[in-house]
Amino acid sequence: MALVAISSAQSPSSIILKTGDPVITMGGFTSSDPAMTVAKLKQYLVEGKLRYVLLGGDNRGGNTAITDWIKKNLTVVKATEYGGSSTSSSTGSGQTLYRYNG
């Protein structure tokens, strides 16, 4: 099971190093690779292979269908729920963490 799916391969290293858990990069190095589809993401979530998605503020070239689906169907996780110091939903770097509740 992957800990989280993120839009770009440029930022998972810190998550992997801190947790030792695998991370799914949905859009390759620059977020523009259409490797992930809405159907595939839904399958990972429903099968319990994935529970969280981290969307970056720099979603340049990202798959807007996936981004729109995530924002509509997943729940924003407040920063205080994962050790953040504010009640905001952003990680402080323009990223927002979403949780699947299915």
N, C-alpha and C. Protein backbone atom coordinates (compact mmCIF):
# COMPACT_ATOMS: atom_id res chain seq x y z
N MET A 1 0.84 -1.18 0.00
CA MET A 1 0.00 0.00 0.00
C MET A 1 0.88 1.24 0.00
N ALA A 2 0.55 2.21 -0.82
CA ALA A 2 1.28 3.47 -0.87
C ALA A 2 0.75 4.41 0.20
N LEU A 3 1.63 5.21 0.76
CA LEU A 3 1.22 6.16 1.78
C LEU A 3 0.39 7.29 1.17
N VAL A 4 0.83 7.81 0.03
CA VAL A 4 0.18 8.97 -0.58
C VAL A 4 0.48 8.99 -2.07
N ALA A 5 -0.41 9.62 -2.84
CA ALA A 5 -0.15 9.89 -4.25
C ALA A 5 0.08 11.38 -4.38
N ILE A 6 1.08 11.76 -5.15
CA ILE A 6 1.38 13.18 -5.36
C ILE A 6 1.45 13.47 -6.85
N SER A 7 1.34 14.74 -7.20
CA SER A 7 1.25 15.10 -8.62
C SER A 7 2.58 15.02 -9.35
N SER A 8 3.71 15.18 -8.70
CA SER A 8 4.99 15.25 -9.38
C SER A 8 6.05 14.40 -8.71
N ALA A 9 6.98 13.90 -9.48
CA ALA A 9 8.08 13.08 -8.95
C ALA A 9 9.18 13.94 -8.33
N GLN A 10 9.00 15.26 -8.33
CA GLN A 10 10.04 16.14 -7.80
C GLN A 10 10.01 16.25 -6.28
N SER A 11 8.94 15.84 -5.63
CA SER A 11 8.85 16.07 -4.18
C SER A 11 8.64 14.86 -3.28
N PRO A 12 8.61 13.63 -3.76
CA PRO A 12 8.32 12.54 -2.84
C PRO A 12 9.49 12.11 -1.96
N SER A 13 10.70 12.50 -2.30
CA SER A 13 11.86 11.99 -1.57
C SER A 13 11.81 12.27 -0.08
N SER A 14 11.40 13.46 0.31
CA SER A 14 11.35 13.79 1.74
C SER A 14 10.30 12.94 2.46
N ILE A 15 9.18 12.67 1.80
CA ILE A 15 8.14 11.82 2.40
C ILE A 15 8.65 10.40 2.56
N ILE A 16 9.29 9.88 1.52
CA ILE A 16 9.81 8.52 1.56
C ILE A 16 10.89 8.39 2.63
N LEU A 17 11.80 9.36 2.70
CA LEU A 17 12.88 9.30 3.68
C LEU A 17 12.36 9.38 5.12
N LYS A 18 11.33 10.19 5.36
CA LYS A 18 10.78 10.33 6.71
C LYS A 18 9.96 9.12 7.14
N THR A 19 9.25 8.49 6.19
CA THR A 19 8.33 7.42 6.56
C THR A 19 8.79 6.02 6.16
N GLY A 20 9.59 5.93 5.13
CA GLY A 20 9.98 4.63 4.61
C GLY A 20 8.89 3.98 3.77
N ASP A 21 7.79 4.68 3.58
CA ASP A 21 6.65 4.15 2.82
C ASP A 21 6.72 4.56 1.35
N PRO A 22 6.14 3.73 0.48
CA PRO A 22 6.12 4.08 -0.94
C PRO A 22 5.17 5.24 -1.23
N VAL A 23 5.48 5.97 -2.28
CA VAL A 23 4.69 7.11 -2.72
C VAL A 23 4.40 6.94 -4.20
N ILE A 24 3.18 7.21 -4.63
CA ILE A 24 2.81 7.16 -6.04
C ILE A 24 2.96 8.55 -6.63
N THR A 25 3.70 8.67 -7.71
CA THR A 25 3.79 9.95 -8.41
C THR A 25 2.88 9.88 -9.63
N MET A 26 1.84 10.68 -9.61
CA MET A 26 0.79 10.58 -10.62
C MET A 26 1.14 11.19 -11.96
N GLY A 27 2.06 12.15 -12.00
CA GLY A 27 2.32 12.86 -13.25
C GLY A 27 3.76 12.88 -13.69
N GLY A 28 4.56 11.97 -13.21
CA GLY A 28 5.96 11.94 -13.61
C GLY A 28 6.75 13.10 -13.05
N PHE A 29 7.91 13.37 -13.63
CA PHE A 29 8.84 14.36 -13.08
C PHE A 29 8.28 15.78 -13.09
N THR A 30 7.59 16.16 -14.14
CA THR A 30 7.10 17.54 -14.26
C THR A 30 5.60 17.68 -14.09
N SER A 31 4.92 16.64 -13.65
CA SER A 31 3.47 16.63 -13.47
C SER A 31 2.70 16.59 -14.78
N SER A 32 3.37 16.42 -15.90
CA SER A 32 2.67 16.45 -17.18
C SER A 32 2.51 15.08 -17.83
N ASP A 33 3.07 14.04 -17.23
CA ASP A 33 2.93 12.68 -17.77
C ASP A 33 1.54 12.16 -17.41
N PRO A 34 0.73 11.75 -18.38
CA PRO A 34 -0.62 11.29 -18.09
C PRO A 34 -0.66 9.83 -17.60
N ALA A 35 0.25 9.48 -16.70
CA ALA A 35 0.35 8.10 -16.21
C ALA A 35 -0.86 7.68 -15.38
N MET A 36 -1.45 8.60 -14.65
CA MET A 36 -2.60 8.29 -13.80
C MET A 36 -3.89 8.72 -14.49
N THR A 37 -4.92 7.90 -14.34
CA THR A 37 -6.24 8.25 -14.84
C THR A 37 -7.19 8.30 -13.65
N VAL A 38 -8.34 8.91 -13.84
CA VAL A 38 -9.34 8.94 -12.77
C VAL A 38 -9.75 7.52 -12.42
N ALA A 39 -9.95 6.68 -13.41
CA ALA A 39 -10.37 5.30 -13.16
C ALA A 39 -9.33 4.54 -12.35
N LYS A 40 -8.05 4.71 -12.69
CA LYS A 40 -6.97 4.02 -11.97
C LYS A 40 -6.87 4.53 -10.53
N LEU A 41 -6.99 5.85 -10.35
CA LEU A 41 -6.93 6.43 -9.01
C LEU A 41 -8.08 5.91 -8.15
N LYS A 42 -9.29 5.90 -8.73
CA LYS A 42 -10.46 5.37 -8.00
C LYS A 42 -10.24 3.92 -7.61
N GLN A 43 -9.66 3.13 -8.50
CA GLN A 43 -9.41 1.72 -8.21
C GLN A 43 -8.44 1.57 -7.04
N TYR A 44 -7.34 2.33 -7.04
CA TYR A 44 -6.39 2.28 -5.93
C TYR A 44 -7.07 2.63 -4.60
N LEU A 45 -7.92 3.65 -4.63
CA LEU A 45 -8.59 4.09 -3.41
C LEU A 45 -9.60 3.04 -2.92
N VAL A 46 -10.43 2.55 -3.81
CA VAL A 46 -11.46 1.57 -3.44
C VAL A 46 -10.84 0.26 -2.94
N GLU A 47 -9.74 -0.15 -3.55
CA GLU A 47 -9.08 -1.39 -3.16
C GLU A 47 -8.21 -1.24 -1.91
N GLY A 48 -8.11 -0.03 -1.37
CA GLY A 48 -7.32 0.20 -0.17
C GLY A 48 -5.82 0.28 -0.41
N LYS A 49 -5.42 0.43 -1.67
CA LYS A 49 -4.00 0.54 -1.99
C LYS A 49 -3.49 1.95 -1.78
N LEU A 50 -4.40 2.88 -1.58
CA LEU A 50 -4.07 4.29 -1.42
C LEU A 50 -5.16 4.95 -0.60
N ARG A 51 -4.78 5.86 0.28
CA ARG A 51 -5.77 6.57 1.08
C ARG A 51 -5.65 8.08 1.00
N TYR A 52 -4.46 8.58 0.69
CA TYR A 52 -4.22 10.03 0.67
C TYR A 52 -3.69 10.49 -0.68
N VAL A 53 -4.03 11.73 -1.03
CA VAL A 53 -3.51 12.37 -2.23
C VAL A 53 -3.05 13.77 -1.83
N LEU A 54 -1.84 14.12 -2.24
CA LEU A 54 -1.28 15.44 -1.95
C LEU A 54 -1.20 16.22 -3.25
N LEU A 55 -1.99 17.28 -3.35
CA LEU A 55 -1.98 18.12 -4.55
C LEU A 55 -1.14 19.35 -4.28
N GLY A 56 -0.27 19.66 -5.24
CA GLY A 56 0.58 20.83 -5.11
C GLY A 56 -0.03 22.05 -5.73
N GLY A 57 0.38 23.20 -5.23
CA GLY A 57 -0.09 24.47 -5.77
C GLY A 57 0.48 24.75 -7.14
N ASP A 58 1.55 24.03 -7.50
CA ASP A 58 2.20 24.24 -8.79
C ASP A 58 1.76 23.20 -9.80
N ASN A 59 0.52 22.85 -9.79
CA ASN A 59 0.01 21.76 -10.63
C ASN A 59 0.09 22.10 -12.11
N ARG A 60 1.24 22.61 -12.52
CA ARG A 60 1.45 23.00 -13.92
C ARG A 60 1.41 21.77 -14.82
N GLY A 61 0.60 21.83 -15.81
CA GLY A 61 0.51 20.73 -16.76
C GLY A 61 -0.13 19.48 -16.21
N GLY A 62 -0.63 19.54 -15.00
CA GLY A 62 -1.21 18.37 -14.38
C GLY A 62 -2.53 17.99 -15.02
N ASN A 63 -3.01 16.82 -14.70
CA ASN A 63 -4.26 16.31 -15.24
C ASN A 63 -5.42 16.97 -14.50
N THR A 64 -6.07 17.92 -15.15
CA THR A 64 -7.15 18.65 -14.48
C THR A 64 -8.35 17.76 -14.17
N ALA A 65 -8.58 16.71 -14.97
CA ALA A 65 -9.69 15.80 -14.68
C ALA A 65 -9.46 15.10 -13.34
N ILE A 66 -8.24 14.67 -13.09
CA ILE A 66 -7.91 14.03 -11.82
C ILE A 66 -7.99 15.03 -10.68
N THR A 67 -7.41 16.20 -10.87
CA THR A 67 -7.44 17.24 -9.84
C THR A 67 -8.88 17.60 -9.49
N ASP A 68 -9.71 17.80 -10.48
CA ASP A 68 -11.12 18.14 -10.24
C ASP A 68 -11.83 17.01 -9.50
N TRP A 69 -11.57 15.76 -9.90
CA TRP A 69 -12.21 14.61 -9.25
C TRP A 69 -11.78 14.51 -7.79
N ILE A 70 -10.50 14.72 -7.51
CA ILE A 70 -10.00 14.66 -6.13
C ILE A 70 -10.68 15.72 -5.28
N LYS A 71 -10.73 16.94 -5.78
CA LYS A 71 -11.33 18.04 -5.02
C LYS A 71 -12.81 17.81 -4.77
N LYS A 72 -13.48 17.12 -5.67
CA LYS A 72 -14.91 16.87 -5.52
C LYS A 72 -15.22 15.67 -4.63
N ASN A 73 -14.36 14.66 -4.63
CA ASN A 73 -14.69 13.38 -4.00
C ASN A 73 -13.89 13.02 -2.76
N LEU A 74 -12.79 13.70 -2.50
CA LEU A 74 -11.99 13.40 -1.31
C LEU A 74 -12.14 14.54 -0.30
N THR A 75 -11.77 14.27 0.92
CA THR A 75 -11.91 15.24 2.01
C THR A 75 -10.57 15.90 2.30
N VAL A 76 -10.58 17.22 2.42
CA VAL A 76 -9.37 17.95 2.79
C VAL A 76 -9.00 17.61 4.22
N VAL A 77 -7.72 17.33 4.45
CA VAL A 77 -7.21 17.04 5.79
C VAL A 77 -6.62 18.32 6.35
N LYS A 78 -7.10 18.75 7.51
CA LYS A 78 -6.57 19.96 8.14
C LYS A 78 -5.16 19.70 8.65
N ALA A 79 -4.32 20.72 8.60
CA ALA A 79 -2.92 20.59 9.01
C ALA A 79 -2.78 20.09 10.44
N THR A 80 -3.70 20.46 11.31
CA THR A 80 -3.61 20.03 12.70
C THR A 80 -3.77 18.52 12.85
N GLU A 81 -4.38 17.86 11.87
CA GLU A 81 -4.58 16.42 11.92
C GLU A 81 -3.29 15.65 11.64
N TYR A 82 -2.31 16.28 11.01
CA TYR A 82 -1.04 15.60 10.75
C TYR A 82 0.15 16.33 11.36
N GLY A 83 -0.12 17.07 12.43
CA GLY A 83 0.97 17.70 13.18
C GLY A 83 1.28 19.12 12.79
N GLY A 84 0.49 19.71 11.91
CA GLY A 84 0.70 21.11 11.54
C GLY A 84 0.27 22.03 12.66
N SER A 85 0.71 23.27 12.59
CA SER A 85 0.45 24.18 13.69
C SER A 85 -0.73 25.12 13.46
N SER A 86 -1.37 25.02 12.28
CA SER A 86 -2.50 25.91 12.04
C SER A 86 -3.71 25.08 11.65
N THR A 87 -4.84 25.73 11.55
CA THR A 87 -6.06 25.03 11.16
C THR A 87 -6.25 25.05 9.65
N SER A 88 -5.29 25.60 8.93
CA SER A 88 -5.36 25.65 7.48
C SER A 88 -5.25 24.25 6.90
N SER A 89 -5.68 24.07 5.67
CA SER A 89 -5.58 22.77 5.02
C SER A 89 -4.31 22.67 4.19
N SER A 90 -3.58 23.75 4.03
CA SER A 90 -2.37 23.74 3.23
C SER A 90 -1.17 23.32 4.06
N THR A 91 -0.20 22.69 3.42
CA THR A 91 1.01 22.24 4.11
C THR A 91 1.98 23.38 4.33
N GLY A 92 1.67 24.56 3.85
CA GLY A 92 2.57 25.69 3.96
C GLY A 92 3.37 25.90 2.69
N SER A 93 3.38 24.93 1.82
CA SER A 93 4.10 25.05 0.56
C SER A 93 3.13 25.04 -0.62
N GLY A 94 1.90 25.44 -0.36
CA GLY A 94 0.91 25.46 -1.42
C GLY A 94 0.32 24.10 -1.75
N GLN A 95 0.59 23.13 -0.91
CA GLN A 95 0.07 21.78 -1.14
C GLN A 95 -1.10 21.52 -0.20
N THR A 96 -2.05 20.71 -0.66
CA THR A 96 -3.20 20.35 0.14
C THR A 96 -3.31 18.83 0.18
N LEU A 97 -3.51 18.28 1.38
CA LEU A 97 -3.64 16.86 1.56
C LEU A 97 -5.12 16.49 1.58
N TYR A 98 -5.48 15.45 0.81
CA TYR A 98 -6.84 14.95 0.72
C TYR A 98 -6.87 13.51 1.20
N ARG A 99 -7.99 13.09 1.81
CA ARG A 99 -8.17 11.74 2.33
C ARG A 99 -9.38 11.10 1.68
N TYR A 100 -9.25 9.81 1.37
CA TYR A 100 -10.37 9.03 0.87
C TYR A 100 -11.09 8.41 2.05
N ASN A 101 -12.39 8.57 2.12
CA ASN A 101 -13.16 8.09 3.26
C ASN A 101 -14.06 6.92 2.92
N GLY A 102 -13.86 6.30 1.78
CA GLY A 102 -14.75 5.25 1.32
C GLY A 102 -14.55 3.92 1.97
